[in-house]
N, C-alpha and C. Protein backbone atom coordinates (compact mmCIF):
# COMPACT_ATOMS: atom_id res chain seq x y z
N UNK A 1 -0.37 -17.88 31.25
CA UNK A 1 -0.84 -18.20 29.91
C UNK A 1 0.10 -17.49 28.93
N UNK A 2 0.54 -18.24 27.93
CA UNK A 2 1.45 -17.68 26.89
C UNK A 2 0.74 -17.67 25.54
N UNK A 3 1.10 -16.67 24.77
CA UNK A 3 0.57 -16.54 23.39
C UNK A 3 1.42 -17.41 22.50
N UNK A 4 0.79 -18.35 21.82
CA UNK A 4 1.55 -19.26 20.96
C UNK A 4 1.67 -18.75 19.53
N UNK A 5 1.09 -17.60 19.22
CA UNK A 5 1.19 -17.09 17.84
C UNK A 5 2.64 -16.64 17.60
N UNK A 6 3.11 -16.87 16.36
CA UNK A 6 4.50 -16.49 16.08
C UNK A 6 4.65 -14.98 16.05
N UNK A 7 5.84 -14.54 16.47
CA UNK A 7 6.15 -13.10 16.41
C UNK A 7 6.21 -12.67 14.96
N UNK A 8 5.75 -11.47 14.65
CA UNK A 8 5.84 -10.98 13.26
C UNK A 8 7.29 -10.83 12.84
N UNK A 9 7.51 -11.04 11.61
CA UNK A 9 8.86 -10.87 11.05
C UNK A 9 9.18 -9.38 11.01
N UNK A 10 10.43 -9.04 11.10
CA UNK A 10 10.84 -7.66 11.11
C UNK A 10 11.74 -7.40 9.92
N UNK A 11 11.51 -6.30 9.22
CA UNK A 11 12.33 -5.90 8.10
C UNK A 11 12.82 -4.48 8.35
N UNK A 12 14.07 -4.36 8.75
CA UNK A 12 14.65 -3.05 9.08
C UNK A 12 15.27 -2.45 7.85
N UNK A 13 14.82 -1.28 7.46
CA UNK A 13 15.26 -0.59 6.25
C UNK A 13 16.12 0.60 6.68
N UNK A 14 17.36 0.64 6.21
CA UNK A 14 18.28 1.75 6.50
C UNK A 14 18.00 2.91 5.52
N UNK A 15 18.51 4.08 5.83
CA UNK A 15 18.37 5.23 4.92
C UNK A 15 18.99 4.89 3.56
N UNK A 16 20.18 4.30 3.56
CA UNK A 16 20.84 3.93 2.30
C UNK A 16 19.97 2.98 1.48
N UNK A 17 19.44 1.94 2.14
CA UNK A 17 18.58 0.98 1.41
C UNK A 17 17.34 1.66 0.88
N UNK A 18 16.70 2.49 1.68
CA UNK A 18 15.51 3.14 1.23
C UNK A 18 15.77 4.05 0.03
N UNK A 19 16.91 4.75 0.05
CA UNK A 19 17.29 5.58 -1.07
C UNK A 19 17.51 4.76 -2.32
N UNK A 20 18.22 3.62 -2.20
CA UNK A 20 18.48 2.75 -3.32
C UNK A 20 17.15 2.19 -3.87
N UNK A 21 16.27 1.74 -3.00
CA UNK A 21 14.97 1.19 -3.43
C UNK A 21 14.08 2.27 -4.08
N UNK A 22 14.16 3.50 -3.56
CA UNK A 22 13.38 4.58 -4.16
C UNK A 22 13.94 4.94 -5.52
N UNK A 23 15.24 4.88 -5.67
CA UNK A 23 15.89 5.13 -6.97
C UNK A 23 15.53 4.06 -7.95
N UNK A 24 15.48 2.81 -7.47
CA UNK A 24 15.04 1.67 -8.32
C UNK A 24 13.62 1.86 -8.79
N UNK A 25 12.78 2.44 -7.91
CA UNK A 25 11.39 2.74 -8.32
C UNK A 25 11.42 3.78 -9.46
N UNK A 26 12.28 4.76 -9.39
CA UNK A 26 12.39 5.80 -10.43
C UNK A 26 12.82 5.11 -11.76
N UNK A 27 13.75 4.17 -11.70
CA UNK A 27 14.17 3.49 -12.92
C UNK A 27 12.97 2.73 -13.56
N UNK A 28 12.21 2.04 -12.70
CA UNK A 28 11.06 1.29 -13.23
C UNK A 28 10.03 2.22 -13.85
N UNK A 29 9.82 3.36 -13.24
CA UNK A 29 8.88 4.36 -13.77
C UNK A 29 9.39 4.95 -15.08
N UNK A 30 10.73 5.19 -15.15
CA UNK A 30 11.31 5.73 -16.38
C UNK A 30 11.08 4.78 -17.54
N UNK A 31 11.21 3.48 -17.26
CA UNK A 31 11.02 2.44 -18.30
C UNK A 31 9.61 2.43 -18.87
N UNK A 32 8.66 2.98 -18.13
CA UNK A 32 7.25 3.05 -18.61
C UNK A 32 7.14 4.02 -19.81
N UNK A 33 8.10 4.92 -19.94
CA UNK A 33 8.12 5.85 -21.07
C UNK A 33 7.01 6.89 -21.05
N UNK A 34 6.46 7.13 -19.87
CA UNK A 34 5.38 8.11 -19.74
C UNK A 34 5.90 9.53 -19.64
N UNK A 35 5.14 10.49 -20.04
CA UNK A 35 5.45 11.88 -19.78
C UNK A 35 4.55 12.35 -18.66
N UNK A 36 5.01 12.15 -17.41
CA UNK A 36 4.17 12.39 -16.23
C UNK A 36 3.86 13.88 -16.08
N UNK A 37 2.64 14.17 -15.74
CA UNK A 37 2.19 15.54 -15.47
C UNK A 37 2.69 16.00 -14.11
N UNK A 38 2.80 15.08 -13.17
CA UNK A 38 3.24 15.43 -11.80
C UNK A 38 3.12 14.24 -10.94
N UNK A 39 3.46 14.48 -9.65
CA UNK A 39 3.43 13.39 -8.64
C UNK A 39 2.56 13.87 -7.50
N UNK A 40 1.84 12.92 -6.98
CA UNK A 40 1.09 13.14 -5.70
C UNK A 40 1.75 12.20 -4.68
N UNK A 41 2.39 12.78 -3.68
CA UNK A 41 3.05 12.02 -2.65
C UNK A 41 2.10 11.78 -1.50
N UNK A 42 2.03 10.55 -1.01
CA UNK A 42 1.19 10.24 0.13
C UNK A 42 1.97 10.48 1.42
N UNK A 43 1.43 11.33 2.24
CA UNK A 43 2.13 11.65 3.51
C UNK A 43 1.79 10.64 4.55
N UNK A 44 2.74 10.38 5.35
CA UNK A 44 4.08 10.95 5.42
C UNK A 44 5.10 10.06 4.73
N UNK A 45 4.92 8.77 4.78
CA UNK A 45 5.95 7.84 4.29
C UNK A 45 6.24 7.97 2.80
N UNK A 46 5.30 8.46 2.02
CA UNK A 46 5.51 8.58 0.60
C UNK A 46 6.26 9.85 0.20
N UNK A 47 6.51 10.75 1.13
CA UNK A 47 7.15 12.00 0.79
C UNK A 47 8.59 11.82 0.38
N UNK A 48 9.29 10.91 1.08
CA UNK A 48 10.68 10.73 0.78
C UNK A 48 10.89 10.08 -0.59
N UNK A 49 10.22 8.94 -0.89
CA UNK A 49 10.36 8.42 -2.28
C UNK A 49 9.83 9.39 -3.33
N UNK A 50 8.86 10.21 -2.99
CA UNK A 50 8.36 11.22 -3.94
C UNK A 50 9.46 12.18 -4.32
N UNK A 51 10.20 12.64 -3.32
CA UNK A 51 11.32 13.58 -3.57
C UNK A 51 12.40 12.94 -4.44
N UNK A 52 12.71 11.70 -4.13
CA UNK A 52 13.77 10.98 -4.91
C UNK A 52 13.31 10.76 -6.33
N UNK A 53 12.07 10.27 -6.56
CA UNK A 53 11.56 10.02 -7.88
C UNK A 53 11.47 11.33 -8.63
N UNK A 54 10.96 12.38 -7.98
CA UNK A 54 10.81 13.66 -8.66
C UNK A 54 12.18 14.17 -9.15
N UNK A 55 13.19 13.99 -8.37
CA UNK A 55 14.55 14.41 -8.79
C UNK A 55 15.04 13.60 -10.00
N UNK A 56 14.88 12.25 -9.84
CA UNK A 56 15.46 11.38 -10.88
C UNK A 56 14.66 11.48 -12.20
N UNK A 57 13.39 11.78 -12.18
CA UNK A 57 12.59 11.93 -13.38
C UNK A 57 12.39 13.38 -13.83
N UNK A 58 13.00 14.26 -13.05
CA UNK A 58 12.95 15.73 -13.31
C UNK A 58 11.48 16.20 -13.39
N UNK A 59 10.70 15.79 -12.39
CA UNK A 59 9.29 16.22 -12.26
C UNK A 59 9.24 17.34 -11.26
N UNK A 60 8.68 18.49 -11.66
CA UNK A 60 8.65 19.66 -10.79
C UNK A 60 7.30 19.86 -10.09
N UNK A 61 6.21 19.29 -10.67
CA UNK A 61 4.88 19.52 -10.11
C UNK A 61 4.59 18.41 -9.11
N UNK A 62 4.45 18.80 -7.85
CA UNK A 62 4.21 17.84 -6.77
C UNK A 62 3.09 18.27 -5.89
N UNK A 63 2.12 17.37 -5.72
CA UNK A 63 1.00 17.58 -4.84
C UNK A 63 1.17 16.57 -3.67
N UNK A 64 0.31 16.73 -2.64
CA UNK A 64 0.36 15.74 -1.59
C UNK A 64 -1.06 15.36 -1.16
N UNK A 65 -1.18 14.18 -0.61
CA UNK A 65 -2.43 13.66 -0.10
C UNK A 65 -2.12 13.06 1.25
N UNK A 66 -2.77 13.58 2.29
CA UNK A 66 -2.53 13.08 3.64
C UNK A 66 -3.60 12.08 4.02
N UNK A 67 -3.18 10.83 4.22
CA UNK A 67 -4.11 9.79 4.65
C UNK A 67 -3.51 9.15 5.91
N UNK A 68 -4.32 9.03 6.90
CA UNK A 68 -3.90 8.42 8.16
C UNK A 68 -4.56 7.05 8.33
N UNK A 69 -3.69 6.03 8.45
CA UNK A 69 -4.25 4.69 8.61
C UNK A 69 -3.43 3.87 9.62
N UNK A 70 -2.40 4.46 10.17
CA UNK A 70 -1.51 3.76 11.15
C UNK A 70 -1.32 4.64 12.38
N UNK A 71 -1.17 4.02 13.51
CA UNK A 71 -0.56 4.71 14.64
C UNK A 71 0.42 3.70 15.25
N UNK A 72 1.70 4.03 15.19
CA UNK A 72 2.75 3.14 15.60
C UNK A 72 2.68 1.83 14.83
N UNK A 73 2.17 0.76 15.45
CA UNK A 73 2.19 -0.53 14.81
C UNK A 73 0.78 -1.06 14.54
N UNK A 74 -0.21 -0.23 14.65
CA UNK A 74 -1.59 -0.67 14.48
C UNK A 74 -2.26 -0.01 13.29
N UNK A 75 -2.87 -0.85 12.45
CA UNK A 75 -3.63 -0.31 11.32
C UNK A 75 -5.05 -0.01 11.78
N UNK A 76 -5.62 1.00 11.20
CA UNK A 76 -7.00 1.36 11.46
C UNK A 76 -7.65 1.80 10.16
N UNK A 77 -8.88 2.18 10.20
CA UNK A 77 -9.57 2.64 9.00
C UNK A 77 -8.85 3.89 8.47
N UNK A 78 -8.62 3.94 7.16
CA UNK A 78 -7.97 5.07 6.52
C UNK A 78 -8.84 6.30 6.54
N UNK A 79 -8.29 7.46 6.88
CA UNK A 79 -8.99 8.73 6.84
C UNK A 79 -8.17 9.75 6.06
N UNK A 80 -8.87 10.52 5.27
CA UNK A 80 -8.20 11.60 4.52
C UNK A 80 -8.11 12.84 5.43
N UNK A 81 -6.89 13.34 5.60
CA UNK A 81 -6.63 14.55 6.42
C UNK A 81 -6.46 15.80 5.58
N UNK A 82 -5.92 15.62 4.39
CA UNK A 82 -5.68 16.77 3.47
C UNK A 82 -5.66 16.20 2.07
N UNK A 83 -6.30 16.95 1.19
CA UNK A 83 -6.33 16.44 -0.23
C UNK A 83 -5.50 17.36 -1.14
N UNK A 84 -5.49 17.03 -2.38
CA UNK A 84 -4.67 17.71 -3.41
C UNK A 84 -5.57 18.66 -4.24
N UNK A 85 -5.00 19.36 -5.16
CA UNK A 85 -5.71 20.24 -6.07
C UNK A 85 -6.41 19.43 -7.15
N UNK A 86 -7.66 19.14 -6.97
CA UNK A 86 -8.40 18.28 -7.85
C UNK A 86 -8.55 18.94 -9.27
N UNK A 87 -8.55 20.23 -9.36
CA UNK A 87 -8.65 20.90 -10.66
C UNK A 87 -7.38 20.61 -11.48
N UNK A 88 -6.27 20.49 -10.79
CA UNK A 88 -4.98 20.23 -11.43
C UNK A 88 -4.87 18.75 -11.85
N UNK A 89 -5.28 17.88 -10.97
CA UNK A 89 -5.03 16.42 -11.18
C UNK A 89 -6.14 15.70 -11.92
N UNK A 90 -7.35 16.24 -11.88
CA UNK A 90 -8.48 15.57 -12.54
C UNK A 90 -8.69 14.18 -12.03
N UNK A 91 -8.85 13.23 -12.92
CA UNK A 91 -9.06 11.83 -12.52
C UNK A 91 -7.76 11.06 -12.33
N UNK A 92 -6.64 11.79 -12.41
CA UNK A 92 -5.33 11.15 -12.21
C UNK A 92 -4.61 10.75 -13.47
N UNK A 93 -5.24 10.91 -14.63
CA UNK A 93 -4.59 10.48 -15.84
C UNK A 93 -3.26 11.25 -16.04
N UNK A 94 -2.19 10.49 -16.22
CA UNK A 94 -0.85 11.12 -16.42
C UNK A 94 -0.16 11.46 -15.14
N UNK A 95 -0.75 11.14 -14.00
CA UNK A 95 -0.16 11.46 -12.71
C UNK A 95 0.35 10.22 -11.99
N UNK A 96 1.51 10.39 -11.34
CA UNK A 96 2.07 9.35 -10.47
C UNK A 96 1.56 9.60 -9.06
N UNK A 97 1.20 8.53 -8.37
CA UNK A 97 0.93 8.64 -6.96
C UNK A 97 1.95 7.71 -6.29
N UNK A 98 2.67 8.24 -5.33
CA UNK A 98 3.78 7.49 -4.73
C UNK A 98 3.62 7.36 -3.21
N UNK A 99 3.78 6.14 -2.73
CA UNK A 99 3.76 5.88 -1.28
C UNK A 99 4.92 4.95 -0.96
N UNK A 100 5.26 4.87 0.33
CA UNK A 100 6.35 3.98 0.70
C UNK A 100 5.94 2.51 0.65
N UNK A 101 4.67 2.22 0.97
CA UNK A 101 4.28 0.82 1.14
C UNK A 101 2.77 0.70 0.85
N UNK A 102 2.45 -0.40 0.20
CA UNK A 102 1.01 -0.81 0.18
C UNK A 102 0.96 -2.07 1.05
N UNK A 103 0.10 -2.05 2.04
CA UNK A 103 0.03 -3.10 3.02
C UNK A 103 -1.34 -3.79 2.91
N UNK A 104 -2.30 -3.31 3.64
CA UNK A 104 -3.65 -3.91 3.61
C UNK A 104 -4.39 -3.55 2.31
N UNK A 105 -4.01 -2.44 1.73
CA UNK A 105 -4.67 -1.94 0.54
C UNK A 105 -5.68 -0.84 0.82
N UNK A 106 -5.95 -0.57 2.10
CA UNK A 106 -6.96 0.45 2.44
C UNK A 106 -6.63 1.82 1.87
N UNK A 107 -5.40 2.28 2.01
CA UNK A 107 -5.03 3.55 1.46
C UNK A 107 -5.11 3.54 -0.04
N UNK A 108 -4.61 2.44 -0.64
CA UNK A 108 -4.63 2.36 -2.11
C UNK A 108 -6.08 2.35 -2.66
N UNK A 109 -6.99 1.78 -1.92
CA UNK A 109 -8.43 1.81 -2.37
C UNK A 109 -8.96 3.20 -2.37
N UNK A 110 -8.66 3.96 -1.32
CA UNK A 110 -9.06 5.40 -1.31
C UNK A 110 -8.45 6.17 -2.49
N UNK A 111 -7.20 5.94 -2.77
CA UNK A 111 -6.52 6.60 -3.88
C UNK A 111 -7.18 6.22 -5.20
N UNK A 112 -7.49 4.99 -5.38
CA UNK A 112 -8.13 4.51 -6.63
C UNK A 112 -9.53 5.15 -6.78
N UNK A 113 -10.24 5.37 -5.68
CA UNK A 113 -11.57 5.98 -5.76
C UNK A 113 -11.43 7.46 -6.19
N UNK A 114 -10.41 8.13 -5.64
CA UNK A 114 -10.21 9.57 -5.91
C UNK A 114 -9.54 9.81 -7.30
N UNK A 115 -8.64 8.94 -7.67
CA UNK A 115 -7.83 9.09 -8.90
C UNK A 115 -7.81 7.82 -9.70
N UNK A 116 -8.91 7.42 -10.31
CA UNK A 116 -9.00 6.11 -10.93
C UNK A 116 -8.01 5.87 -12.09
N UNK A 117 -7.48 6.92 -12.69
CA UNK A 117 -6.57 6.77 -13.83
C UNK A 117 -5.12 7.06 -13.50
N UNK A 118 -4.81 7.19 -12.19
CA UNK A 118 -3.43 7.47 -11.80
C UNK A 118 -2.59 6.22 -11.94
N UNK A 119 -1.30 6.42 -11.88
CA UNK A 119 -0.32 5.29 -11.85
C UNK A 119 0.18 5.25 -10.41
N UNK A 120 -0.23 4.22 -9.66
CA UNK A 120 0.09 4.09 -8.26
C UNK A 120 1.39 3.27 -8.13
N UNK A 121 2.41 3.90 -7.47
CA UNK A 121 3.70 3.23 -7.32
C UNK A 121 4.10 3.27 -5.84
N UNK A 122 4.66 2.16 -5.38
CA UNK A 122 5.15 2.08 -4.04
C UNK A 122 6.54 1.45 -4.03
N UNK A 123 7.30 1.71 -2.97
CA UNK A 123 8.59 1.10 -2.86
C UNK A 123 8.43 -0.35 -2.45
N UNK A 124 7.56 -0.61 -1.50
CA UNK A 124 7.34 -1.99 -0.97
C UNK A 124 5.87 -2.35 -1.16
N UNK A 125 5.62 -3.66 -1.38
CA UNK A 125 4.23 -4.11 -1.51
C UNK A 125 4.05 -5.45 -0.78
N UNK A 126 2.92 -5.50 -0.03
CA UNK A 126 2.54 -6.76 0.62
C UNK A 126 1.41 -7.40 -0.18
N UNK A 127 1.18 -8.70 -0.01
CA UNK A 127 0.23 -9.39 -0.85
C UNK A 127 -1.21 -8.86 -0.84
N UNK A 128 -1.68 -8.39 0.31
CA UNK A 128 -3.06 -7.87 0.37
C UNK A 128 -3.25 -6.60 -0.46
N UNK A 129 -2.24 -5.81 -0.60
CA UNK A 129 -2.33 -4.56 -1.36
C UNK A 129 -1.73 -4.62 -2.76
N UNK A 130 -0.95 -5.62 -3.01
CA UNK A 130 -0.22 -5.70 -4.28
C UNK A 130 -1.09 -5.57 -5.54
N UNK A 131 -2.27 -6.14 -5.59
CA UNK A 131 -3.12 -6.01 -6.82
C UNK A 131 -3.53 -4.57 -7.12
N UNK A 132 -3.46 -3.71 -6.16
CA UNK A 132 -3.87 -2.33 -6.32
C UNK A 132 -2.82 -1.38 -6.84
N UNK A 133 -1.57 -1.90 -6.92
CA UNK A 133 -0.42 -1.09 -7.28
C UNK A 133 0.02 -1.39 -8.70
N UNK A 134 0.39 -0.35 -9.44
CA UNK A 134 0.84 -0.53 -10.83
C UNK A 134 2.30 -0.89 -10.85
N UNK A 135 3.15 -0.29 -9.98
CA UNK A 135 4.59 -0.50 -10.00
C UNK A 135 5.05 -0.50 -8.55
N UNK A 136 5.94 -1.45 -8.22
CA UNK A 136 6.63 -1.46 -6.93
C UNK A 136 8.01 -2.12 -7.12
N UNK A 137 8.83 -2.00 -6.07
CA UNK A 137 10.18 -2.52 -6.19
C UNK A 137 10.34 -3.83 -5.44
N UNK A 138 9.93 -3.92 -4.19
CA UNK A 138 10.19 -5.09 -3.35
C UNK A 138 8.93 -5.66 -2.74
N UNK A 139 8.71 -6.96 -2.91
CA UNK A 139 7.59 -7.67 -2.30
C UNK A 139 8.01 -8.08 -0.89
N UNK A 140 7.11 -7.87 0.08
CA UNK A 140 7.34 -8.23 1.47
C UNK A 140 6.15 -9.04 1.93
N UNK A 141 6.39 -10.14 2.69
CA UNK A 141 5.31 -10.94 3.16
C UNK A 141 4.36 -10.17 4.08
N UNK A 142 3.09 -10.61 4.12
CA UNK A 142 2.06 -9.89 4.86
C UNK A 142 2.38 -9.87 6.37
N UNK A 143 3.03 -10.87 6.86
CA UNK A 143 3.29 -10.99 8.30
C UNK A 143 4.59 -10.29 8.72
N UNK A 144 5.16 -9.44 7.86
CA UNK A 144 6.41 -8.73 8.15
C UNK A 144 6.06 -7.28 8.47
N UNK A 145 6.65 -6.78 9.51
CA UNK A 145 6.51 -5.37 9.86
C UNK A 145 7.76 -4.64 9.36
N UNK A 146 7.58 -3.63 8.55
CA UNK A 146 8.71 -2.88 8.00
C UNK A 146 8.99 -1.73 8.97
N UNK A 147 10.26 -1.65 9.39
CA UNK A 147 10.76 -0.55 10.20
C UNK A 147 11.49 0.42 9.30
N UNK A 148 10.86 1.56 8.99
CA UNK A 148 11.47 2.54 8.14
C UNK A 148 12.50 3.38 8.93
N UNK A 149 13.49 3.94 8.23
CA UNK A 149 14.56 4.64 8.95
C UNK A 149 14.11 5.78 9.78
N UNK A 150 13.02 6.39 9.46
CA UNK A 150 12.52 7.55 10.26
C UNK A 150 11.81 7.10 11.50
N UNK A 151 11.58 5.80 11.67
CA UNK A 151 10.86 5.26 12.82
C UNK A 151 11.72 4.58 13.85
N UNK A 152 13.02 4.49 13.59
CA UNK A 152 13.87 3.69 14.49
C UNK A 152 15.12 4.49 14.94
N UNK A 153 15.72 3.99 16.03
CA UNK A 153 17.02 4.46 16.48
C UNK A 153 17.97 3.29 16.40
N UNK A 154 19.22 3.53 16.32
CA UNK A 154 20.21 2.45 16.33
C UNK A 154 20.38 1.99 17.79
N UNK A 155 20.17 0.72 18.01
CA UNK A 155 20.32 0.14 19.34
C UNK A 155 20.61 -1.36 19.27
N UNK A 156 21.13 -1.95 20.31
CA UNK A 156 21.36 -3.39 20.31
C UNK A 156 20.03 -4.14 20.16
N UNK A 157 20.15 -5.36 19.61
CA UNK A 157 18.95 -6.20 19.48
C UNK A 157 19.32 -7.67 19.69
N UNK A 158 18.34 -8.47 20.01
CA UNK A 158 18.56 -9.90 20.17
C UNK A 158 18.64 -10.59 18.82
N UNK A 159 19.37 -11.68 18.70
CA UNK A 159 19.39 -12.51 17.46
C UNK A 159 17.99 -12.99 17.13
N UNK A 160 17.74 -13.25 15.83
CA UNK A 160 16.45 -13.67 15.40
C UNK A 160 15.97 -14.89 16.11
N UNK A 161 16.85 -15.86 16.37
CA UNK A 161 16.50 -17.12 17.01
C UNK A 161 15.89 -16.91 18.40
N UNK A 162 16.35 -15.87 19.08
CA UNK A 162 15.81 -15.58 20.45
C UNK A 162 14.45 -14.85 20.40
N UNK A 163 14.14 -14.31 19.23
CA UNK A 163 12.86 -13.56 19.10
C UNK A 163 11.76 -14.46 18.53
N UNK A 164 12.10 -15.60 17.99
CA UNK A 164 11.08 -16.46 17.38
C UNK A 164 10.22 -17.19 18.33
């Protein structure tokens, strides 16, 4: 018996591309003209764009929020593992929250509950989560799996036509 469902699309992101896309996110945020109080980076994937945006916008106050919703290639219910200093961030007004990707929107929904007035920014956005994000750089179809540079090794691969 064979599975007739199409293989998910793959989007391989290199370190160079991720850096360029994160810097593009910083440009978009700069255009907002806000005087940001600080950044809350979503661990783990959001830490790298958080560092890049913090440098580019000269933001020194950085908090983190650890939310687990993936294991390898499987999404599951989002759980908070570590939170931020709520006395410092309040309801999120004037704060940037940065993540690498909004996919199903589960993580973004938790963020919106905790910080309803924050500005949520991601490098990549898929359709299911896109309405929950204020700013993003690249739209990616829902059936595409993004391979981030910290998740892959360089190795040979088959042509796309052989994987379809």
